[in-house]
Amino acid sequence: MSTASYLPAARRARRRLTVRRSAAWLAARACDPKAGLWLVIGFAVVHALLWTAILVKLKAAQDVHMDVAEAYAWGQRFLLGYGKHPPLSGWIAGVWFRIFPVTNWSTYLLAMTTVSSALVVCWLIAVRVVDRRRAFFAVVMLALYPIFNFKGFKYNADLAQLVPLPLLVLAYLNAFEKRTVKSGLWLGFAGALALMTKYWVVTMIGAIGLAALIHPQRLAFLRSPAPWVAIATMLVAMIPHLVWLEEVDFLPFTYAGEIYALPSRALNVQHVIGYIGHNLALLAAPVVLSLLALLVVVLVRWQRTGVLAWVWSRGPNPAVNLPQAINIWLIQLIVAIGPPLGALAFSVYIKTDWGIPLFFLVPLALVAIPTLRLPRVALFAMLAIWFVVTIATLIAAPSIATREMASNRTGASTYAARSELARELTEVWQRKFHSRWAVVVARSDIAEPMTFYSPDHPAAIMPGEAWSSGLTSLDEAKRLGFIGVCDTKEPEYLVPCEPWMAEHAKGAEQVVMTTQRFFQGHPGPSTVWKVYLVPPAK
């Protein structure tokens, strides 16, 4: 063999040795009882920081989503409910923004902290079902699931469920295994915590209940005190919120009934198909990339025969806790098919975003397949794929933001200069009335950004909405004065803004303002606002 041909072979051998050593080191840390948790926490922290940086660059031309601004507004006061939803997402935002500044980057950090915290809880679930190597593999799969990165950019009640729902599943697995009063108490508290985030979590609670009834070991669990203590604890813990519901005449259900009713059966079917297709497309990313990691195993350990033996085996697998794996398979299957079937049966609207908190068990359900083998190289390959995807997105984010702004494919409302409007209105109010701007009246996608971006953070009222957040009232608005804002190109299907102002802002000073945002030399849409200045009562 010549020296020229020997050197490339030597380099390849060194690279293979480096990969093997790195894979061995990673597997050793992942499997170590003490180091494994810190590895997951470290991975979650790095994931949160990198994807916060990505989102800051990716969304640089945009204001925060109205749902994020709404969560901030709710967090200004710690109530037992906020008209549309239970209070937990607002409470979390309230605590967060008492620590961090009210800026775009801190909202993205909040969102990524939420999903990264969920990664750690999902690892705690996984180690009850599979060995530690598979558990870490499942966590990296989740980090590649778009809900846990760019799709999870907006913190709202849907995203907030990604912490209490995994905690609920963890508490269930613990109760199913221990079957004690204490484990039942934890399960009950976890159920109440989840319900305080959004009522949609009844889908997961129902899935857990059905799984407990279907499981082959159901009698041992149902004869124990755990499930009954859990039910009683959850009901008792929910009493304060139930009292609030009665006091506000069950406004969240009025909101759901008015917003999510569908006019036709065809539209109902269309939404269900869209929900299924959207969530399958999102799940394709981690599944395909995990298959790519397994393909790396095949390529590294290629043999002329028995290729599948490196990733597939037969017989019992001590790496999988089969009774708990059955729980995971049942819960995920039920929660995957139940909501779309329910939407079809009762002809109700099902949003694609409602799938955000429902599929975090898919990676674990897959790695818990007993016949699947996960060599050390697969774990290393999966982590390498996550790193490459993340860094590539970080590098590409600024150019993506610029192209999106230039083409404006996402619609005018995404780039409407609401933050600029909020600051201008604050200056107008303070210059004219020499007081804090206390109340803004506008539809939610305008009013909530005013609350977020104005230095005065006015409370919001939405014309025509019965489900008031409870943060202020019309009487309070008239006493303190308010600014009403109407979009001159308001969609016809919304409650008309100007007739409301004609009734409740009589004698107000009217001003027409125009705002426009520029990013990297590219102009955003020019938006004309009709502004109503109602002075404080004398």
Protein backbone atom coordinates (compact mmCIF):
# COMPACT_ATOMS: atom_id res chain seq x y z
CA MET A 1 0.00 0.00 0.00
CA SER A 2 1.36 3.44 -0.94
CA THR A 3 1.86 6.23 1.61
CA ALA A 4 -0.73 8.36 -0.22
CA SER A 5 -3.45 5.76 0.20
CA TYR A 6 -2.41 4.94 3.74
CA LEU A 7 -2.86 8.50 5.09
CA PRO A 8 -6.61 8.84 4.25
CA ALA A 9 -7.23 5.41 5.74
CA ALA A 10 -5.38 6.44 8.90
CA ARG A 11 -7.43 9.62 9.15
CA ARG A 12 -10.66 7.69 8.74
CA ALA A 13 -9.54 5.27 11.43
CA ARG A 14 -8.78 8.15 13.81
CA ARG A 15 -12.16 9.73 13.09
CA ARG A 16 -13.94 6.45 13.77
CA LEU A 17 -12.00 6.09 17.01
CA THR A 18 -12.93 9.64 18.04
CA VAL A 19 -16.61 8.97 17.30
CA ARG A 20 -16.53 5.74 19.29
CA ARG A 21 -14.86 7.42 22.26
CA SER A 22 -17.32 10.33 22.15
CA ALA A 23 -20.26 7.94 21.88
CA ALA A 24 -18.91 5.91 24.80
CA TRP A 25 -18.43 9.03 26.94
CA LEU A 26 -21.96 10.30 26.15
CA ALA A 27 -23.53 6.90 26.84
CA ALA A 28 -21.63 6.61 30.12
CA ARG A 29 -22.87 10.01 31.29
CA ALA A 30 -26.42 9.32 30.14
CA CYS A 31 -26.50 5.96 31.95
CA ASP A 32 -24.89 7.16 35.18
CA PRO A 33 -27.51 7.52 37.96
CA LYS A 34 -25.94 10.77 39.23
CA ALA A 35 -24.55 12.31 36.05
CA GLY A 36 -27.59 11.42 33.92
CA LEU A 37 -29.89 14.03 35.49
CA TRP A 38 -27.25 16.76 35.22
CA LEU A 39 -26.65 15.83 31.60
CA VAL A 40 -30.34 16.30 30.86
CA ILE A 41 -30.53 19.58 32.81
CA GLY A 42 -27.42 20.88 31.02
CA PHE A 43 -28.86 19.86 27.65
CA ALA A 44 -32.17 21.58 28.47
CA VAL A 45 -30.40 24.81 29.50
CA VAL A 46 -28.29 24.87 26.33
CA HIS A 47 -31.40 24.14 24.24
CA ALA A 48 -33.28 27.02 25.89
CA LEU A 49 -30.46 29.53 25.39
CA LEU A 50 -29.68 28.58 21.79
CA TRP A 51 -33.30 28.60 20.69
CA THR A 52 -33.96 31.89 22.50
CA ALA A 53 -31.12 33.38 20.47
CA ILE A 54 -32.61 31.86 17.31
CA LEU A 55 -36.07 33.24 18.00
CA VAL A 56 -34.74 36.72 18.79
CA LYS A 57 -33.08 36.78 15.35
CA LEU A 58 -35.91 34.98 13.55
CA LYS A 59 -38.64 37.28 14.92
CA ALA A 60 -36.60 40.49 14.89
CA ALA A 61 -38.97 42.18 12.41
CA GLN A 62 -42.11 41.27 14.37
CA ASP A 63 -43.87 42.22 17.58
CA VAL A 64 -44.66 39.48 20.07
CA HIS A 65 -47.73 37.38 19.35
CA MET A 66 -50.97 38.68 20.85
CA ASP A 67 -51.27 35.54 23.01
CA VAL A 68 -47.95 36.40 24.65
CA ALA A 69 -49.05 39.97 25.27
CA GLU A 70 -52.33 38.63 26.68
CA ALA A 71 -50.49 36.35 29.13
CA TYR A 72 -48.42 39.35 30.24
CA ALA A 73 -51.60 41.41 30.74
CA TRP A 74 -53.18 38.67 32.84
CA GLY A 75 -50.09 38.46 35.00
CA GLN A 76 -50.54 42.06 36.12
CA ARG A 77 -53.00 40.74 38.71
CA PHE A 78 -53.15 37.27 40.24
CA LEU A 79 -56.81 36.33 39.81
CA LEU A 80 -58.52 32.93 40.01
CA GLY A 81 -59.36 33.09 36.32
CA TYR A 82 -59.18 35.47 33.36
CA GLY A 83 -62.43 35.12 31.45
CA LYS A 84 -61.15 32.81 28.72
CA HIS A 85 -59.02 30.38 30.70
CA PRO A 86 -57.98 29.26 34.17
CA PRO A 87 -55.20 31.32 35.74
CA LEU A 88 -51.95 29.32 35.74
CA SER A 89 -50.51 30.63 32.45
CA GLY A 90 -51.18 34.19 33.62
CA TRP A 91 -49.64 33.54 37.03
CA ILE A 92 -46.47 32.16 35.44
CA ALA A 93 -46.21 35.22 33.20
CA GLY A 94 -46.84 37.47 36.18
CA VAL A 95 -43.96 35.97 38.13
CA TRP A 96 -41.68 35.88 35.09
CA PHE A 97 -42.08 39.55 34.20
CA ARG A 98 -41.51 40.63 37.77
CA ILE A 99 -38.04 39.15 37.33
CA PHE A 100 -37.30 39.81 33.65
CA PRO A 101 -37.85 42.99 31.61
CA VAL A 102 -40.92 43.40 29.43
CA THR A 103 -39.12 42.91 26.11
CA ASN A 104 -39.37 40.62 23.10
CA TRP A 105 -36.36 38.50 24.04
CA SER A 106 -37.68 37.74 27.52
CA THR A 107 -40.92 36.34 26.03
CA TYR A 108 -38.91 33.96 23.86
CA LEU A 109 -36.80 32.99 26.86
CA LEU A 110 -40.03 32.29 28.79
CA ALA A 111 -41.30 30.06 25.98
CA MET A 112 -38.01 28.17 25.70
CA THR A 113 -37.72 27.85 29.47
CA THR A 114 -41.18 26.28 29.46
CA VAL A 115 -40.37 23.69 26.79
CA SER A 116 -36.91 22.98 28.24
CA SER A 117 -38.42 22.39 31.68
CA ALA A 118 -40.76 19.95 29.97
CA LEU A 119 -37.72 18.12 28.55
CA VAL A 120 -36.46 17.45 32.07
CA VAL A 121 -39.86 16.24 33.29
CA CYS A 122 -40.19 14.01 30.21
CA TRP A 123 -36.81 12.48 31.08
CA LEU A 124 -38.12 11.74 34.59
CA ILE A 125 -41.07 9.99 32.94
CA ALA A 126 -38.81 8.08 30.56
CA VAL A 127 -36.51 6.63 33.24
CA ARG A 128 -39.58 4.95 34.75
CA VAL A 129 -40.26 3.25 31.43
CA VAL A 130 -36.92 2.58 29.72
CA ASP A 131 -33.24 2.54 30.58
CA ARG A 132 -31.31 5.79 30.82
CA ARG A 133 -29.78 5.55 27.34
CA ARG A 134 -33.19 5.31 25.71
CA ALA A 135 -34.52 8.02 28.03
CA PHE A 136 -31.92 10.53 26.86
CA PHE A 137 -32.49 9.52 23.24
CA ALA A 138 -36.21 10.29 23.69
CA VAL A 139 -35.38 13.70 25.19
CA VAL A 140 -33.19 14.65 22.21
CA MET A 141 -36.00 13.49 19.90
CA LEU A 142 -38.35 15.84 21.74
CA ALA A 143 -35.89 18.72 21.37
CA LEU A 144 -36.15 18.20 17.58
CA TYR A 145 -39.97 18.21 17.69
CA PRO A 146 -40.94 21.67 16.30
CA ILE A 147 -43.22 22.33 19.28
CA PHE A 148 -40.07 22.35 21.43
CA ASN A 149 -38.19 24.83 19.23
CA PHE A 150 -39.39 27.30 16.57
CA LYS A 151 -43.08 26.33 16.74
CA GLY A 152 -43.00 26.93 20.50
CA PHE A 153 -42.09 30.61 20.15
CA LYS A 154 -45.32 31.97 21.64
CA TYR A 155 -45.97 31.48 25.32
CA ASN A 156 -49.68 30.99 25.93
CA ALA A 157 -52.05 28.59 27.69
CA ASP A 158 -51.39 25.89 25.08
CA LEU A 159 -47.62 25.99 25.53
CA ALA A 160 -47.91 26.34 29.31
CA GLN A 161 -49.55 22.89 29.43
CA LEU A 162 -46.22 21.32 28.44
CA VAL A 163 -45.09 21.41 32.07
CA PRO A 164 -48.18 20.34 34.09
CA LEU A 165 -49.22 17.60 31.63
CA PRO A 166 -45.87 15.75 31.82
CA LEU A 167 -46.02 16.22 35.60
CA LEU A 168 -49.49 14.64 35.52
CA VAL A 169 -48.23 11.63 33.54
CA LEU A 170 -45.24 11.31 35.89
CA ALA A 171 -47.55 11.37 38.92
CA TYR A 172 -49.77 8.73 37.30
CA LEU A 173 -46.86 6.38 36.59
CA ASN A 174 -45.72 6.85 40.19
CA ALA A 175 -49.20 6.14 41.55
CA PHE A 176 -49.66 3.14 39.26
CA GLU A 177 -46.42 1.66 40.56
CA LYS A 178 -46.64 2.52 44.29
CA ARG A 179 -50.44 2.52 44.78
CA THR A 180 -50.22 4.44 48.06
CA VAL A 181 -52.22 7.28 49.57
CA LYS A 182 -49.23 9.61 49.17
CA SER A 183 -48.87 8.80 45.48
CA GLY A 184 -52.62 9.42 45.07
CA LEU A 185 -52.26 12.84 46.69
CA TRP A 186 -49.50 13.78 44.25
CA LEU A 187 -51.60 12.59 41.32
CA GLY A 188 -54.58 14.64 42.52
CA PHE A 189 -52.51 17.80 42.94
CA ALA A 190 -50.96 17.26 39.48
CA GLY A 191 -54.45 16.93 37.97
CA ALA A 192 -55.61 20.17 39.62
CA LEU A 193 -52.46 21.98 38.49
CA ALA A 194 -53.08 20.85 34.91
CA LEU A 195 -56.74 21.93 35.04
CA MET A 196 -55.66 25.36 36.26
CA THR A 197 -53.77 25.82 32.99
CA LYS A 198 -56.53 25.09 30.48
CA TYR A 199 -59.69 22.99 30.54
CA TRP A 200 -58.43 21.21 27.41
CA VAL A 201 -56.30 19.04 29.73
CA VAL A 202 -59.40 16.94 30.41
CA THR A 203 -58.32 15.12 27.24
CA MET A 204 -55.15 13.93 28.98
CA ILE A 205 -56.94 13.26 32.27
CA GLY A 206 -59.51 11.19 30.39
CA ALA A 207 -56.76 9.32 28.52
CA ILE A 208 -55.05 8.46 31.81
CA GLY A 209 -58.35 7.28 33.27
CA LEU A 210 -59.06 5.05 30.27
CA ALA A 211 -55.50 3.72 30.30
CA ALA A 212 -55.92 2.75 33.95
CA LEU A 213 -59.15 0.91 33.09
CA ILE A 214 -57.69 -0.89 30.05
CA HIS A 215 -54.27 -1.82 31.47
CA PRO A 216 -53.77 -5.57 32.19
CA GLN A 217 -52.84 -4.70 35.80
CA ARG A 218 -55.87 -2.45 36.29
CA LEU A 219 -57.38 -4.39 39.19
CA ALA A 220 -54.29 -4.01 41.37
CA PHE A 221 -54.34 -0.26 40.76
CA LEU A 222 -58.09 0.24 41.13
CA ARG A 223 -58.19 -1.75 44.38
CA SER A 224 -55.55 0.53 45.90
CA PRO A 225 -56.36 3.89 47.51
CA ALA A 226 -54.28 5.83 44.96
CA PRO A 227 -56.90 6.57 42.22
CA TRP A 228 -59.67 7.44 44.68
CA VAL A 229 -57.46 9.68 46.79
CA ALA A 230 -56.34 11.37 43.55
CA ILE A 231 -59.91 12.11 42.45
CA ALA A 232 -60.87 13.51 45.87
CA THR A 233 -57.70 15.60 46.10
CA MET A 234 -58.18 17.08 42.65
CA LEU A 235 -61.77 18.08 43.41
CA VAL A 236 -60.86 19.70 46.72
CA ALA A 237 -57.91 21.56 45.19
CA MET A 238 -60.18 22.93 42.46
CA ILE A 239 -62.78 24.40 44.87
CA PRO A 240 -61.47 28.03 44.79
CA HIS A 241 -61.48 28.05 41.00
CA LEU A 242 -64.91 26.41 40.87
CA VAL A 243 -66.25 29.15 43.15
CA TRP A 244 -64.77 31.75 40.78
CA LEU A 245 -66.43 30.00 37.83
CA GLU A 246 -69.81 30.24 39.51
CA GLU A 247 -69.24 33.91 40.39
CA VAL A 248 -68.50 34.84 36.76
CA ASP A 249 -71.40 32.75 35.46
CA PHE A 250 -69.05 30.23 33.77
CA LEU A 251 -67.67 32.79 31.33
CA PRO A 252 -64.91 30.51 29.94
CA PHE A 253 -67.58 28.11 28.69
CA THR A 254 -69.55 31.01 27.17
CA TYR A 255 -66.33 32.02 25.39
CA ALA A 256 -65.74 28.50 24.10
CA GLY A 257 -69.35 28.13 22.96
CA GLU A 258 -69.31 31.38 20.98
CA ILE A 259 -65.81 31.15 19.51
CA TYR A 260 -65.59 27.47 18.62
CA ALA A 261 -69.07 26.74 17.26
CA LEU A 262 -69.03 25.70 13.59
CA PRO A 263 -71.67 26.68 11.02
CA SER A 264 -71.46 23.50 8.92
CA ARG A 265 -70.53 19.81 9.08
CA ALA A 266 -68.22 20.17 6.06
CA LEU A 267 -66.20 22.84 7.87
CA ASN A 268 -66.01 20.59 10.91
CA VAL A 269 -64.54 17.75 8.84
CA GLN A 270 -62.14 20.17 7.17
CA HIS A 271 -60.81 21.38 10.54
CA VAL A 272 -60.39 17.82 11.85
CA ILE A 273 -58.42 16.81 8.76
CA GLY A 274 -56.30 19.94 9.14
CA TYR A 275 -55.64 19.15 12.81
CA ILE A 276 -54.54 15.59 12.01
CA GLY A 277 -52.37 16.60 9.06
CA HIS A 278 -50.73 19.47 10.93
CA ASN A 279 -49.73 17.39 13.93
CA LEU A 280 -48.54 14.44 11.83
CA ALA A 281 -46.34 16.84 9.86
CA LEU A 282 -44.82 18.22 13.07
CA LEU A 283 -44.18 14.73 14.44
CA ALA A 284 -42.47 13.73 11.20
CA ALA A 285 -39.42 15.86 12.07
CA PRO A 286 -38.25 13.97 15.20
CA VAL A 287 -39.29 10.58 13.80
CA VAL A 288 -37.43 11.03 10.50
CA LEU A 289 -34.34 12.44 12.22
CA SER A 290 -34.29 9.55 14.71
CA LEU A 291 -34.45 7.13 11.78
CA LEU A 292 -31.49 9.01 10.33
CA ALA A 293 -29.61 8.44 13.58
CA LEU A 294 -30.35 4.71 13.34
CA LEU A 295 -29.21 4.74 9.73
CA VAL A 296 -25.88 6.07 10.97
CA VAL A 297 -25.64 2.96 13.17
CA VAL A 298 -26.19 0.74 10.16
CA LEU A 299 -23.58 2.60 8.13
CA VAL A 300 -21.01 2.58 10.92
CA ARG A 301 -21.52 -1.10 11.67
CA TRP A 302 -22.31 -2.28 8.17
CA GLN A 303 -22.16 -6.02 7.53
CA ARG A 304 -23.05 -7.97 4.44
CA THR A 305 -25.65 -9.93 6.40
CA GLY A 306 -27.77 -9.19 9.39
CA VAL A 307 -27.82 -5.40 8.95
CA LEU A 308 -31.13 -5.01 10.82
CA ALA A 309 -29.70 -6.88 13.80
CA TRP A 310 -27.91 -3.67 14.82
CA VAL A 311 -31.22 -1.86 15.39
CA TRP A 312 -33.75 -4.66 15.74
CA SER A 313 -33.83 -7.70 17.98
CA ARG A 314 -36.24 -10.29 19.30
CA GLY A 315 -37.13 -11.58 22.71
CA PRO A 316 -37.60 -9.84 26.08
CA ASN A 317 -35.75 -6.58 26.64
CA PRO A 318 -34.64 -5.66 30.18
CA ALA A 319 -34.20 -2.04 29.02
CA VAL A 320 -38.01 -1.64 28.88
CA ASN A 321 -40.39 -1.66 31.86
CA LEU A 322 -43.25 -3.29 29.97
CA PRO A 323 -46.15 -2.48 32.36
CA GLN A 324 -45.24 1.21 32.34
CA ALA A 325 -44.59 1.12 28.59
CA ILE A 326 -48.14 -0.17 28.13
CA ASN A 327 -49.36 2.88 30.07
CA ILE A 328 -47.44 5.21 27.77
CA TRP A 329 -48.70 3.49 24.62
CA LEU A 330 -52.30 3.58 25.83
CA ILE A 331 -52.21 7.22 26.96
CA GLN A 332 -50.61 8.45 23.75
CA LEU A 333 -52.91 6.41 21.52
CA ILE A 334 -56.06 7.57 23.32
CA VAL A 335 -55.03 11.23 23.43
CA ALA A 336 -54.08 11.08 19.73
CA ILE A 337 -57.37 9.68 18.42
CA GLY A 338 -59.80 10.92 21.09
CA PRO A 339 -59.91 14.69 20.35
CA PRO A 340 -60.42 14.45 16.57
CA LEU A 341 -63.07 11.74 17.04
CA GLY A 342 -64.77 13.88 19.69
CA ALA A 343 -64.66 16.92 17.40
CA LEU A 344 -66.34 14.89 14.64
CA ALA A 345 -68.92 13.37 16.96
CA PHE A 346 -69.99 16.68 18.51
CA SER A 347 -69.28 18.88 15.46
CA VAL A 348 -67.00 21.31 17.32
CA TYR A 349 -64.08 23.36 16.10
CA ILE A 350 -60.65 21.87 16.84
CA LYS A 351 -57.63 24.16 16.45
CA THR A 352 -54.32 22.83 15.20
CA ASP A 353 -52.58 24.47 18.17
CA TRP A 354 -54.58 22.32 20.57
CA GLY A 355 -52.24 19.50 19.63
CA ILE A 356 -49.27 21.39 21.12
CA PRO A 357 -49.40 19.66 24.54
CA LEU A 358 -50.72 16.25 23.44
CA PHE A 359 -47.86 14.47 21.67
CA PHE A 360 -44.88 14.77 24.02
CA LEU A 361 -45.07 11.00 24.72
CA VAL A 362 -44.55 9.96 21.08
CA PRO A 363 -40.72 9.73 21.26
CA LEU A 364 -40.90 7.68 24.47
CA ALA A 365 -43.62 5.45 23.00
CA LEU A 366 -41.29 4.69 20.09
CA VAL A 367 -38.07 4.07 22.04
CA ALA A 368 -40.05 1.85 24.43
CA ILE A 369 -40.63 -0.70 21.65
CA PRO A 370 -38.84 -3.73 23.17
CA THR A 371 -37.50 -5.03 19.85
CA LEU A 372 -35.78 -1.74 19.03
CA ARG A 373 -32.06 -1.57 19.80
CA LEU A 374 -30.29 1.73 20.53
CA PRO A 375 -26.50 1.33 20.44
CA ARG A 376 -24.26 4.04 21.83
CA VAL A 377 -23.53 5.38 18.33
CA ALA A 378 -27.26 6.07 17.82
CA LEU A 379 -27.35 8.28 20.91
CA PHE A 380 -24.29 10.20 19.76
CA ALA A 381 -25.70 10.55 16.23
CA MET A 382 -29.02 11.87 17.56
CA LEU A 383 -27.30 14.52 19.67
CA ALA A 384 -25.09 15.47 16.71
CA ILE A 385 -28.17 15.89 14.50
CA TRP A 386 -29.78 18.17 17.11
CA PHE A 387 -26.60 20.25 17.30
CA VAL A 388 -26.25 20.60 13.52
CA VAL A 389 -29.93 21.51 13.05
CA THR A 390 -29.80 24.05 15.89
CA ILE A 391 -26.58 25.76 14.81
CA ALA A 392 -27.65 25.81 11.16
CA THR A 393 -30.92 27.48 12.16
CA LEU A 394 -29.07 30.00 14.32
CA ILE A 395 -26.83 30.96 11.40
CA ALA A 396 -29.72 31.15 8.93
CA ALA A 397 -32.16 33.02 11.22
CA PRO A 398 -31.22 36.63 10.28
CA SER A 399 -31.49 35.97 6.54
CA ILE A 400 -34.79 34.12 7.04
CA ALA A 401 -36.19 37.11 8.96
CA THR A 402 -35.10 39.50 6.22
CA ARG A 403 -36.60 37.36 3.44
CA GLU A 404 -39.88 36.99 5.34
CA MET A 405 -40.11 40.74 5.83
CA ALA A 406 -39.28 41.40 2.18
CA SER A 407 -41.86 38.96 0.85
CA ASN A 408 -44.37 39.59 3.68
CA ARG A 409 -45.78 36.11 3.06
CA THR A 410 -47.16 35.80 6.59
CA GLY A 411 -49.65 38.63 6.19
CA ALA A 412 -49.80 42.33 7.02
CA SER A 413 -50.89 41.85 10.65
CA THR A 414 -47.65 40.07 11.52
CA TYR A 415 -45.61 43.17 10.69
CA ALA A 416 -48.11 45.91 11.64
CA ALA A 417 -46.23 48.39 13.82
CA ARG A 418 -48.20 47.93 17.03
CA SER A 419 -45.22 48.49 19.35
CA GLU A 420 -44.54 51.84 17.66
CA LEU A 421 -48.22 52.75 18.04
CA ALA A 422 -48.14 51.88 21.75
CA ARG A 423 -45.19 54.14 22.41
CA GLU A 424 -46.68 57.02 20.40
CA LEU A 425 -50.04 56.76 22.17
CA THR A 426 -48.32 56.75 25.55
CA GLU A 427 -46.53 59.99 24.67
CA VAL A 428 -49.77 61.56 23.41
CA TRP A 429 -51.67 60.61 26.59
CA GLN A 430 -48.99 61.78 29.00
CA ARG A 431 -48.45 65.04 27.13
CA LYS A 432 -52.18 65.77 27.02
CA PHE A 433 -53.39 64.58 30.45
CA HIS A 434 -50.17 64.46 32.54
CA SER A 435 -51.12 61.09 34.01
CA ARG A 436 -50.60 57.41 33.44
CA TRP A 437 -52.45 55.82 30.53
CA ALA A 438 -54.64 53.31 32.41
CA VAL A 439 -57.02 51.69 29.90
CA VAL A 440 -56.99 50.82 26.20
CA VAL A 441 -60.10 49.78 24.28
CA ALA A 442 -59.57 47.80 21.07
CA ARG A 443 -59.94 44.30 19.69
CA SER A 444 -57.58 41.84 21.36
CA ASP A 445 -54.87 41.71 18.68
CA ILE A 446 -54.48 45.48 19.06
CA ALA A 447 -55.23 46.04 22.75
CA GLU A 448 -52.94 43.33 24.18
CA PRO A 449 -49.82 44.64 22.35
CA MET A 450 -50.67 48.13 23.70
CA THR A 451 -50.61 46.64 27.20
CA PHE A 452 -47.29 44.92 26.56
CA TYR A 453 -45.37 47.67 24.74
CA SER A 454 -46.63 50.84 26.40
CA PRO A 455 -44.44 51.91 29.36
CA ASP A 456 -47.73 52.51 31.23
CA HIS A 457 -49.04 48.96 30.52
CA PRO A 458 -52.74 49.92 30.35
CA ALA A 459 -55.40 47.34 31.11
CA ALA A 460 -57.39 46.23 28.07
CA ILE A 461 -61.09 46.12 27.21
CA MET A 462 -62.29 44.42 24.03
CA PRO A 463 -65.51 45.85 22.51
CA GLY A 464 -68.34 43.36 22.36
CA GLU A 465 -66.57 40.61 24.35
CA ALA A 466 -68.57 39.23 27.27
CA TRP A 467 -65.65 37.21 28.66
CA SER A 468 -63.88 40.07 30.43
CA SER A 469 -60.50 39.21 31.96
CA GLY A 470 -61.48 40.99 35.16
CA LEU A 471 -58.46 43.31 34.99
CA THR A 472 -60.63 46.40 34.52
CA SER A 473 -64.19 47.41 33.63
CA LEU A 474 -66.01 49.91 31.44
CA ASP A 475 -66.96 51.99 34.50
CA GLU A 476 -63.31 52.07 35.55
CA ALA A 477 -62.32 53.03 32.01
CA LYS A 478 -64.71 55.99 31.98
CA ARG A 479 -63.48 57.13 35.41
CA LEU A 480 -59.77 56.92 34.51
CA GLY A 481 -60.16 57.82 30.85
CA PHE A 482 -59.10 55.58 27.98
CA ILE A 483 -57.73 55.45 24.48
CA GLY A 484 -59.83 53.62 21.91
CA VAL A 485 -58.11 52.25 18.81
CA CYS A 486 -59.87 51.06 15.65
CA ASP A 487 -58.23 49.56 12.59
CA THR A 488 -59.64 51.31 9.54
CA LYS A 489 -59.38 48.01 7.59
CA GLU A 490 -61.15 45.92 10.20
CA PRO A 491 -62.43 42.52 8.97
CA GLU A 492 -66.21 42.39 8.57
CA TYR A 493 -66.67 39.28 10.73
CA LEU A 494 -65.41 41.05 13.87
CA VAL A 495 -67.49 43.15 16.26
CA PRO A 496 -67.48 46.64 14.66
CA CYS A 497 -65.18 48.96 16.58
CA GLU A 498 -66.37 52.38 15.44
CA PRO A 499 -70.07 51.90 16.42
CA TRP A 500 -68.90 50.86 19.90
CA MET A 501 -66.80 54.01 20.16
CA ALA A 502 -69.74 56.13 18.95
CA GLU A 503 -71.78 54.78 21.87
CA HIS A 504 -69.21 54.75 24.67
CA ALA A 505 -66.69 57.42 23.63
CA LYS A 506 -69.02 60.31 22.91
CA GLY A 507 -67.22 63.62 22.77
CA ALA A 508 -63.82 61.95 22.52
CA GLU A 509 -61.06 63.70 20.63
CA GLN A 510 -60.45 61.75 17.43
CA VAL A 511 -57.04 61.41 15.83
CA VAL A 512 -55.91 59.44 12.78
CA MET A 513 -52.43 57.93 13.09
CA THR A 514 -50.34 55.94 10.62
CA THR A 515 -47.58 53.53 11.59
CA GLN A 516 -45.09 51.57 9.52
CA ARG A 517 -42.09 49.43 10.42
CA PHE A 518 -38.83 49.12 8.49
CA PHE A 519 -36.43 46.21 8.89
CA GLN A 520 -33.09 45.89 7.13
CA GLY A 521 -34.30 48.46 4.59
CA HIS A 522 -37.55 46.59 3.87
CA PRO A 523 -40.85 48.37 4.64
CA GLY A 524 -43.65 46.65 6.49
CA PRO A 525 -47.34 47.38 5.89
CA SER A 526 -48.59 50.90 6.46
CA THR A 527 -51.48 50.76 8.93
CA VAL A 528 -54.00 53.56 9.52
CA TRP A 529 -55.51 53.73 13.01
CA LYS A 530 -58.50 55.75 14.17
CA VAL A 531 -57.76 56.82 17.74
CA TYR A 532 -60.27 58.05 20.36
CA LEU A 533 -58.95 60.01 23.36
CA VAL A 534 -61.39 59.95 26.28
CA PRO A 535 -60.17 62.13 29.18
CA PRO A 536 -60.37 61.09 32.84
CA ALA A 537 -63.59 61.98 34.63
CA LYS A 538 -63.41 65.25 36.55
